[in-house]
Structures are given as C-alpha cells and as structure tokens.
C-alpha atoms as a PDB file:
ATOM      1  CA  MET A   1       0.021  -0.041   0.012  1.00  0.00           C
ATOM      2  CA  MET A   2       2.871   2.493   0.912  1.00  0.00           C
ATOM      3  CA  LEU A   3       4.363   1.826  -2.506  1.00  0.00           C
ATOM      4  CA  TRP A   4       1.107   2.778  -4.298  1.00  0.00           C
ATOM      5  CA  LEU A   5       0.841   5.995  -2.193  1.00  0.00           C
ATOM      6  CA  THR A   6       4.504   6.916  -2.779  1.00  0.00           C
ATOM      7  CA  LEU A   7       4.146   6.242  -6.508  1.00  0.00           C
ATOM      8  CA  PHE A   8       0.932   8.521  -6.549  1.00  0.00           C
ATOM      9  CA  PHE A   9       2.580  11.278  -4.619  1.00  0.00           C
ATOM     10  CA  GLU A  10       5.864  11.324  -6.710  1.00  0.00           C
ATOM     11  CA  PHE A  11       3.960  11.472  -9.975  1.00  0.00           C
ATOM     12  CA  PHE A  12       1.457  13.916  -8.700  1.00  0.00           C
ATOM     13  CA  LYS A  13       4.327  16.147  -7.678  1.00  0.00           C
ATOM     14  CA  THR A  14       6.005  15.612 -11.044  1.00  0.00           C
ATOM     15  CA  GLY A  15       2.707  16.579 -12.846  1.00  0.00           C
ATOM     16  CA  LEU A  16       2.310  19.706 -10.634  1.00  0.00           C
ATOM     17  CA  PHE A  17       5.863  21.163 -11.072  1.00  0.00           C
ATOM     18  CA  SER A  18       6.987  19.893 -14.446  1.00  0.00           C
ATOM     19  CA  ILE A  19       5.769  22.938 -16.422  1.00  0.00           C
ATOM     20  CA  GLY A  20       6.728  22.646 -20.083  1.00  0.00           C
ATOM     21  CA  GLY A  21       5.878  19.165 -21.073  1.00  0.00           C
ATOM     22  CA  GLY A  22       7.335  15.709 -20.991  1.00  0.00           C
ATOM     23  CA  LEU A  23      11.145  16.587 -21.154  1.00  0.00           C
ATOM     24  CA  ALA A  24      10.511  18.708 -18.073  1.00  0.00           C
ATOM     25  CA  THR A  25       9.586  15.467 -16.192  1.00  0.00           C
ATOM     26  CA  ILE A  26      13.091  13.997 -16.690  1.00  0.00           C
ATOM     27  CA  PRO A  27      14.723  15.746 -13.710  1.00  0.00           C
ATOM     28  CA  PHE A  28      12.015  14.501 -11.444  1.00  0.00           C
ATOM     29  CA  LEU A  29      12.524  11.012 -12.888  1.00  0.00           C
ATOM     30  CA  TYR A  30      16.338  11.204 -12.094  1.00  0.00           C
ATOM     31  CA  GLU A  31      15.339  12.078  -8.541  1.00  0.00           C
ATOM     32  CA  MET A  32      13.004   9.175  -8.254  1.00  0.00           C
ATOM     33  CA  MET A  33      15.814   6.830  -9.679  1.00  0.00           C
ATOM     34  CA  GLU A  34      18.195   8.110  -7.071  1.00  0.00           C
ATOM     35  CA  HIS A  35      15.837   8.161  -4.083  1.00  0.00           C
ATOM     36  CA  TYR A  36      13.786   5.002  -4.620  1.00  0.00           C
ATOM     37  CA  HIS A  37      15.938   2.911  -6.958  1.00  0.00           C
ATOM     38  CA  TRP A  38      12.858   1.954  -8.828  1.00  0.00           C
ATOM     39  CA  PHE A  39      14.888   1.760 -12.058  1.00  0.00           C
ATOM     40  CA  THR A  40      18.466   2.115 -13.128  1.00  0.00           C
ATOM     41  CA  GLU A  41      19.936   4.970 -15.145  1.00  0.00           C
ATOM     42  CA  SER A  42      20.109   2.761 -18.118  1.00  0.00           C
ATOM     43  CA  ASP A  43      16.410   1.917 -17.716  1.00  0.00           C
ATOM     44  CA  LEU A  44      15.789   5.745 -17.594  1.00  0.00           C
ATOM     45  CA  LEU A  45      17.628   6.303 -20.753  1.00  0.00           C
ATOM     46  CA  ASN A  46      15.728   3.565 -22.416  1.00  0.00           C
ATOM     47  CA  MET A  47      12.404   4.946 -21.186  1.00  0.00           C
ATOM     48  CA  ILE A  48      13.416   8.510 -22.674  1.00  0.00           C
ATOM     49  CA  ALA A  49      14.292   6.967 -25.904  1.00  0.00           C
ATOM     50  CA  ILE A  50      11.117   4.913 -26.149  1.00  0.00           C
ATOM     51  CA  SER A  51       8.847   7.657 -24.851  1.00  0.00           C
ATOM     52  CA  GLU A  52      10.287  10.102 -27.388  1.00  0.00           C
ATOM     53  CA  SER A  53       9.717   7.750 -30.246  1.00  0.00           C
ATOM     54  CA  THR A  54       6.281   6.514 -29.432  1.00  0.00           C
ATOM     55  CA  PRO A  55       3.043   8.310 -29.874  1.00  0.00           C
ATOM     56  CA  GLY A  56       1.724  10.338 -26.912  1.00  0.00           C
ATOM     57  CA  PRO A  57       3.194  12.778 -24.371  1.00  0.00           C
ATOM     58  CA  VAL A  58       6.600  11.832 -23.219  1.00  0.00           C
ATOM     59  CA  GLY A  59       5.829  12.369 -19.535  1.00  0.00           C
ATOM     60  CA  VAL A  60       2.678  10.197 -19.683  1.00  0.00           C
ATOM     61  CA  ASN A  61       4.512   7.492 -21.568  1.00  0.00           C
ATOM     62  CA  MET A  62       7.291   7.457 -18.926  1.00  0.00           C
ATOM     63  CA  ALA A  63       4.757   7.531 -16.027  1.00  0.00           C
ATOM     64  CA  THR A  64       2.998   4.601 -17.605  1.00  0.00           C
ATOM     65  CA  TYR A  65       6.194   2.638 -17.817  1.00  0.00           C
ATOM     66  CA  VAL A  66       7.362   3.406 -14.323  1.00  0.00           C
ATOM     67  CA  GLY A  67       4.003   2.564 -12.808  1.00  0.00           C
ATOM     68  CA  TYR A  68       3.668  -0.712 -14.587  1.00  0.00           C
ATOM     69  CA  HIS A  69       7.410  -1.771 -13.711  1.00  0.00           C
ATOM     70  CA  VAL A  70       7.432  -0.541 -10.114  1.00  0.00           C
ATOM     71  CA  THR A  71       4.153  -2.414  -9.210  1.00  0.00           C
ATOM     72  CA  GLY A  72       5.499  -5.803 -10.599  1.00  0.00           C
ATOM     73  CA  ASN A  73       4.222  -5.427 -14.288  1.00  0.00           C
ATOM     74  CA  ASN A  74       0.676  -4.545 -12.991  1.00  0.00           C
ATOM     75  CA  ILE A  75      -1.478  -2.713 -15.520  1.00  0.00           C
ATOM     76  CA  PHE A  76      -3.271  -0.929 -12.693  1.00  0.00           C
ATOM     77  CA  GLY A  77       0.220   0.508 -11.590  1.00  0.00           C
ATOM     78  CA  ALA A  78       0.565   1.933 -15.030  1.00  0.00           C
ATOM     79  CA  VAL A  79      -2.842   3.590 -14.870  1.00  0.00           C
ATOM     80  CA  TRP A  80      -2.295   4.759 -11.282  1.00  0.00           C
ATOM     81  CA  ALA A  81       1.026   6.452 -12.140  1.00  0.00           C
ATOM     82  CA  THR A  82      -0.491   8.064 -15.216  1.00  0.00           C
ATOM     83  CA  PHE A  83      -3.444   9.249 -13.357  1.00  0.00           C
ATOM     84  CA  ALA A  84      -1.283  10.858 -10.758  1.00  0.00           C
ATOM     85  CA  LEU A  85       0.813  12.708 -13.358  1.00  0.00           C
ATOM     86  CA  VAL A  86      -2.220  14.035 -15.251  1.00  0.00           C
ATOM     87  CA  LEU A  87      -4.415  14.883 -12.135  1.00  0.00           C
ATOM     88  CA  PRO A  88      -2.670  18.171 -11.277  1.00  0.00           C
ATOM     89  CA  SER A  89      -3.202  19.449 -14.762  1.00  0.00           C
ATOM     90  CA  VAL A  90      -6.858  18.584 -14.716  1.00  0.00           C
ATOM     91  CA  ILE A  91      -7.274  20.313 -11.377  1.00  0.00           C
ATOM     92  CA  VAL A  92      -5.372  23.471 -12.414  1.00  0.00           C
ATOM     93  CA  ILE A  93      -7.020  23.813 -15.692  1.00  0.00           C
ATOM     94  CA  CYS A  94     -10.457  23.314 -14.162  1.00  0.00           C
ATOM     95  CA  ALA A  95      -9.742  25.746 -11.308  1.00  0.00           C
ATOM     96  CA  ILE A  96      -8.224  28.591 -13.449  1.00  0.00           C
ATOM     97  CA  ALA A  97     -10.051  28.239 -16.731  1.00  0.00           C
ATOM     98  CA  LYS A  98     -12.714  30.865 -16.051  1.00  0.00           C
ATOM     99  CA  VAL A  99     -10.322  33.135 -14.125  1.00  0.00           C
ATOM    100  CA  LEU A 100      -7.654  33.027 -16.782  1.00  0.00           C
ATOM    101  CA  GLN A 101     -10.160  33.771 -19.484  1.00  0.00           C
ATOM    102  CA  ALA A 102     -11.368  36.928 -17.514  1.00  0.00           C
ATOM    103  CA  TYR A 103      -7.756  38.130 -16.861  1.00  0.00           C
ATOM    104  CA  ARG A 104      -6.160  36.838 -20.074  1.00  0.00           C
ATOM    105  CA  LYS A 105      -5.302  40.468 -21.197  1.00  0.00           C
ATOM    106  CA  ASN A 106      -3.997  41.446 -17.717  1.00  0.00           C
ATOM    107  CA  PRO A 107      -0.245  42.442 -17.949  1.00  0.00           C
ATOM    108  CA  TYR A 108       0.557  40.591 -14.626  1.00  0.00           C
ATOM    109  CA  VAL A 109      -0.937  37.333 -15.976  1.00  0.00           C
ATOM    110  CA  GLN A 110       0.900  37.724 -19.326  1.00  0.00           C
ATOM    111  CA  ASP A 111       4.134  38.565 -17.318  1.00  0.00           C
ATOM    112  CA  MET A 112       3.624  35.431 -15.166  1.00  0.00           C
ATOM    113  CA  PHE A 113       3.372  33.177 -18.281  1.00  0.00           C
ATOM    114  CA  TYR A 114       6.450  35.014 -19.757  1.00  0.00           C
ATOM    115  CA  GLY A 115       8.316  34.232 -16.530  1.00  0.00           C
ATOM    116  CA  LEU A 116       7.568  30.547 -16.729  1.00  0.00           C
ATOM    117  CA  ARG A 117       9.433  30.237 -19.990  1.00  0.00           C
ATOM    118  CA  PRO A 118      12.945  30.394 -18.542  1.00  0.00           C
ATOM    119  CA  ALA A 119      11.969  27.916 -15.901  1.00  0.00           C
ATOM    120  CA  THR A 120      10.698  25.471 -18.557  1.00  0.00           C
ATOM    121  CA  ALA A 121      13.808  26.014 -20.694  1.00  0.00           C
ATOM    122  CA  ALA A 122      15.930  25.284 -17.649  1.00  0.00           C
ATOM    123  CA  LEU A 123      14.231  22.093 -16.759  1.00  0.00           C
ATOM    124  CA  ILE A 124      14.469  20.846 -20.358  1.00  0.00           C
ATOM    125  CA  LEU A 125      18.252  21.987 -20.488  1.00  0.00           C
ATOM    126  CA  SER A 126      18.889  20.096 -17.277  1.00  0.00           C
ATOM    127  CA  ALA A 127      17.264  17.040 -18.768  1.00  0.00           C
ATOM    128  CA  ALA A 128      19.329  17.282 -21.979  1.00  0.00           C
ATOM    129  CA  ILE A 129      22.543  17.573 -19.975  1.00  0.00           C
ATOM    130  CA  GLY A 130      21.751  14.726 -17.760  1.00  0.00           C
ATOM    131  CA  VAL A 131      20.947  12.473 -20.674  1.00  0.00           C
ATOM    132  CA  PHE A 132      24.073  13.536 -22.532  1.00  0.00           C
ATOM    133  CA  ILE A 133      26.332  12.887 -19.491  1.00  0.00           C
ATOM    134  CA  SER A 134      24.629   9.494 -19.002  1.00  0.00           C
ATOM    135  CA  VAL A 135      25.429   8.710 -22.595  1.00  0.00           C
ATOM    136  CA  ILE A 136      29.084   9.663 -22.654  1.00  0.00           C
ATOM    137  CA  MET A 137      29.848   8.665 -19.011  1.00  0.00           C
ATOM    138  CA  PRO A 138      27.798   5.485 -18.299  1.00  0.00           C
ATOM    139  CA  ASP A 139      29.836   4.442 -15.315  1.00  0.00           C
ATOM    140  CA  LYS A 140      30.296   8.071 -13.962  1.00  0.00           C
ATOM    141  CA  GLN A 141      33.725   8.239 -15.452  1.00  0.00           C
ATOM    142  CA  LEU A 142      34.712   9.690 -18.716  1.00  0.00           C
ATOM    143  CA  VAL A 143      36.769   7.146 -20.429  1.00  0.00           C
ATOM    144  CA  PHE A 144      37.370   8.076 -24.117  1.00  0.00           C
ATOM    145  CA  ASN A 145      37.264   4.950 -26.096  1.00  0.00           C
ATOM    146  CA  ALA A 146      36.363   3.984 -29.672  1.00  0.00           C
ATOM    147  CA  GLN A 147      32.704   3.374 -28.834  1.00  0.00           C
ATOM    148  CA  LEU A 148      32.311   6.837 -27.154  1.00  0.00           C
ATOM    149  CA  GLY A 149      34.089   8.520 -30.176  1.00  0.00           C
ATOM    150  CA  LEU A 150      31.852   6.821 -32.473  1.00  0.00           C
ATOM    151  CA  THR A 151      28.786   7.748 -30.422  1.00  0.00           C
ATOM    152  CA  LEU A 152      29.839  11.425 -30.404  1.00  0.00           C
ATOM    153  CA  VAL A 153      30.626  11.353 -34.172  1.00  0.00           C
ATOM    154  CA  ILE A 154      27.179   9.786 -34.911  1.00  0.00           C
ATOM    155  CA  MET A 155      25.315  12.353 -32.673  1.00  0.00           C
ATOM    156  CA  ALA A 156      27.172  15.166 -34.377  1.00  0.00           C
ATOM    157  CA  GLY A 157      26.386  13.624 -37.723  1.00  0.00           C
ATOM    158  CA  ILE A 158      22.711  13.329 -37.025  1.00  0.00           C
ATOM    159  CA  TRP A 159      22.600  16.871 -35.705  1.00  0.00           C
ATOM    160  CA  LEU A 160      24.374  18.178 -38.853  1.00  0.00           C
ATOM    161  CA  PHE A 161      21.954  16.018 -41.025  1.00  0.00           C
ATOM    162  CA  THR A 162      18.873  17.668 -39.341  1.00  0.00           C
ATOM    163  CA  LYS A 163      20.433  21.075 -40.006  1.00  0.00           C
ATOM    164  CA  ILE A 164      21.151  20.559 -43.539  1.00  0.00           C
ATOM    165  CA  PHE A 165      17.815  18.730 -44.402  1.00  0.00           C
ATOM    166  CA  LYS A 166      15.333  20.742 -42.444  1.00  0.00           C
ATOM    167  CA  ASN A 167      12.229  19.560 -44.181  1.00  0.00           C
ATOM    168  CA  ILE A 168      12.828  15.860 -43.294  1.00  0.00           C
ATOM    169  CA  HIS A 169      10.074  14.351 -41.230  1.00  0.00           C
ATOM    170  CA  PRO A 170      10.849  13.611 -37.520  1.00  0.00           C
ATOM    171  CA  ILE A 171       9.738   9.986 -37.995  1.00  0.00           C
ATOM    172  CA  ALA A 172      12.478   9.569 -40.562  1.00  0.00           C
ATOM    173  CA  ILE A 173      15.126  10.929 -38.186  1.00  0.00           C
ATOM    174  CA  ILE A 174      13.821   8.520 -35.412  1.00  0.00           C
ATOM    175  CA  CYS A 175      13.998   5.524 -37.782  1.00  0.00           C
ATOM    176  CA  LEU A 176      17.499   6.613 -39.022  1.00  0.00           C
ATOM    177  CA  SER A 177      18.734   6.943 -35.466  1.00  0.00           C
ATOM    178  CA  ALA A 178      17.232   3.593 -34.467  1.00  0.00           C
ATOM    179  CA  ALA A 179      18.850   1.883 -37.397  1.00  0.00           C
ATOM    180  CA  ILE A 180      22.241   3.421 -36.560  1.00  0.00           C
ATOM    181  CA  GLY A 181      21.814   2.322 -32.946  1.00  0.00           C
ATOM    182  CA  ILE A 182      21.052  -1.216 -33.917  1.00  0.00           C
ATOM    183  CA  LEU A 183      23.760  -1.279 -36.582  1.00  0.00           C
ATOM    184  CA  PHE A 184      26.321  -0.170 -34.169  1.00  0.00           C
ATOM    185  CA  SER A 185      24.737  -1.637 -31.064  1.00  0.00           C
ATOM    186  CA  LEU A 186      25.006   1.663 -29.241  1.00  0.00           C
END
C-alpha cells in the first residue's frame, strides 16, 4: 500500500511542477531513480528513448512505464502513475480556466506566463545535459574509447543532417537513429 501511495505522490508532484511538457519530467525521474531505486539509469535512458519515439506525451509514456514496472508489471500500476501525473493539470485547468479567461489580457498574467518560459527552458536543458552525460559517462567516469568517439561522431552527424535537411520528417530521423543504434549496437 505504501508503494502505491508513494508512486501516486511522486507522479502527482511531477505533474504539478514539471511545467513545459514531458522533457521537463526527466529531472523528477532522475530524482525518483536516485531516491527510490525503482529503475536504473540505463532503464531511464531507455524510457526516454522509447517515450520520445512512441506516440503520446513523453511524460505520460514514462509515468505509464514506471508505474507498470514498479508495481510488478501490474497494468493498474501503469494507470495509477499516469492518473497521478495528469491529475494536477486537470485540477489546475478546471480551477483557473474561467479566471484566466477573464484576466487573459492582464499584463501581470501575461508577465507570469512569460516568466515561466526560463524555468521551462532550464528544466529541459537540465534533462538534456543529464541524458548527454549519462550517454558519454555511463559509469560516472569519462573514459574516451572507440565506442564513445563513434557515439559522439554519430550524434554530431545526425545533428548536422537535421540542420542541412530541415524539411525531413521527424519519423525519418527517429528511424534513421534507431537503425544506426541497432547497426552499431550503441
């Protein structure tokens, strides 16, 4: 029972404070990983990769996976964690929808939303840095070897590819990245 309450509380907190979407949930997931040991860093990196490449919101996909995994592959655990993540948004939207509509043009309200942008950017940047460091230092030590060099070259190549071919569909980039990962077993 305590596990279910903790799972609910952690994902409710994540849903309440991860303003900016699914990538903003990643720092909260790192915290859960370190505090509860529900999953490993490798599991988290796999969750991010799968959640990014499957349909649906990234945060919801990750909450569903963690809930399922933590409760012993229980479908109700997946639903429970997902519900906990989404509930704060539902509450906030219902509570402020009418108020926000009335004060939408208020400069203070506009300034408040403008002020949330840097916080959102910081959460997403923190997630990106955490994932990047986990990829290049899987054992918390930077050991430059052929695989790391190849990984960095491939990452730079894919980034350059997306800059040159700006009209390429994101699904094509995901498929290309997956094929490269499988080919090189990265």
